[in-house]
């Protein structure tokens, strides 16, 4: 078998997110890099009920449930604890409530090969036109505005707002960013 091309990380605690993760894994089996071996690391507090297949190897990792927004705030620490298990050339994080609804293959691989890290423009802030983008960057938008917050971003540093629910990179680059 060829080396694992990608490792997909999914955090799914609680019944609702575990059910969504099961749907996402089925999507991955049907549409994601269908010519390549893929590893899925599923961080969950549920009993094992999701299976991979001959191409998608699913590994379930115990993860205690965290109250919201814990899973989002702790995603990088959670993945770092499992860094030694990641075998893909690149890592893709997907929120459990994401879907893969069409084939992702050669085009995705080519795009990933040309970048060390990538993110997706947040759909709520993409394509809003120059005036709206400028207003978001200068006056509001999703950025933290309290200067005493560790999440504060200066106006000059505000660029394109990206979706945290899907992000990726070459394994070494992505895990370095997670640290």
Foldseek 3Di string as FASTA:
>chain_A
DDFAAEEEEEEAEDPVLVVLLLQQLVQCCVAEAVVAAYEYEYEYCDDDDHQHDPRYHYDYHYDDDDPPPVCLVCVLVVVLVVLVVTGHQKYKYAYSNDHNDHHDHDVNVVVQVVDQKDFAFDPVQPPPDDVSNLCCLPPNNDFDDDPVDPRHDDSVRDDGHTDSRIMMGGSVSVNVVSD
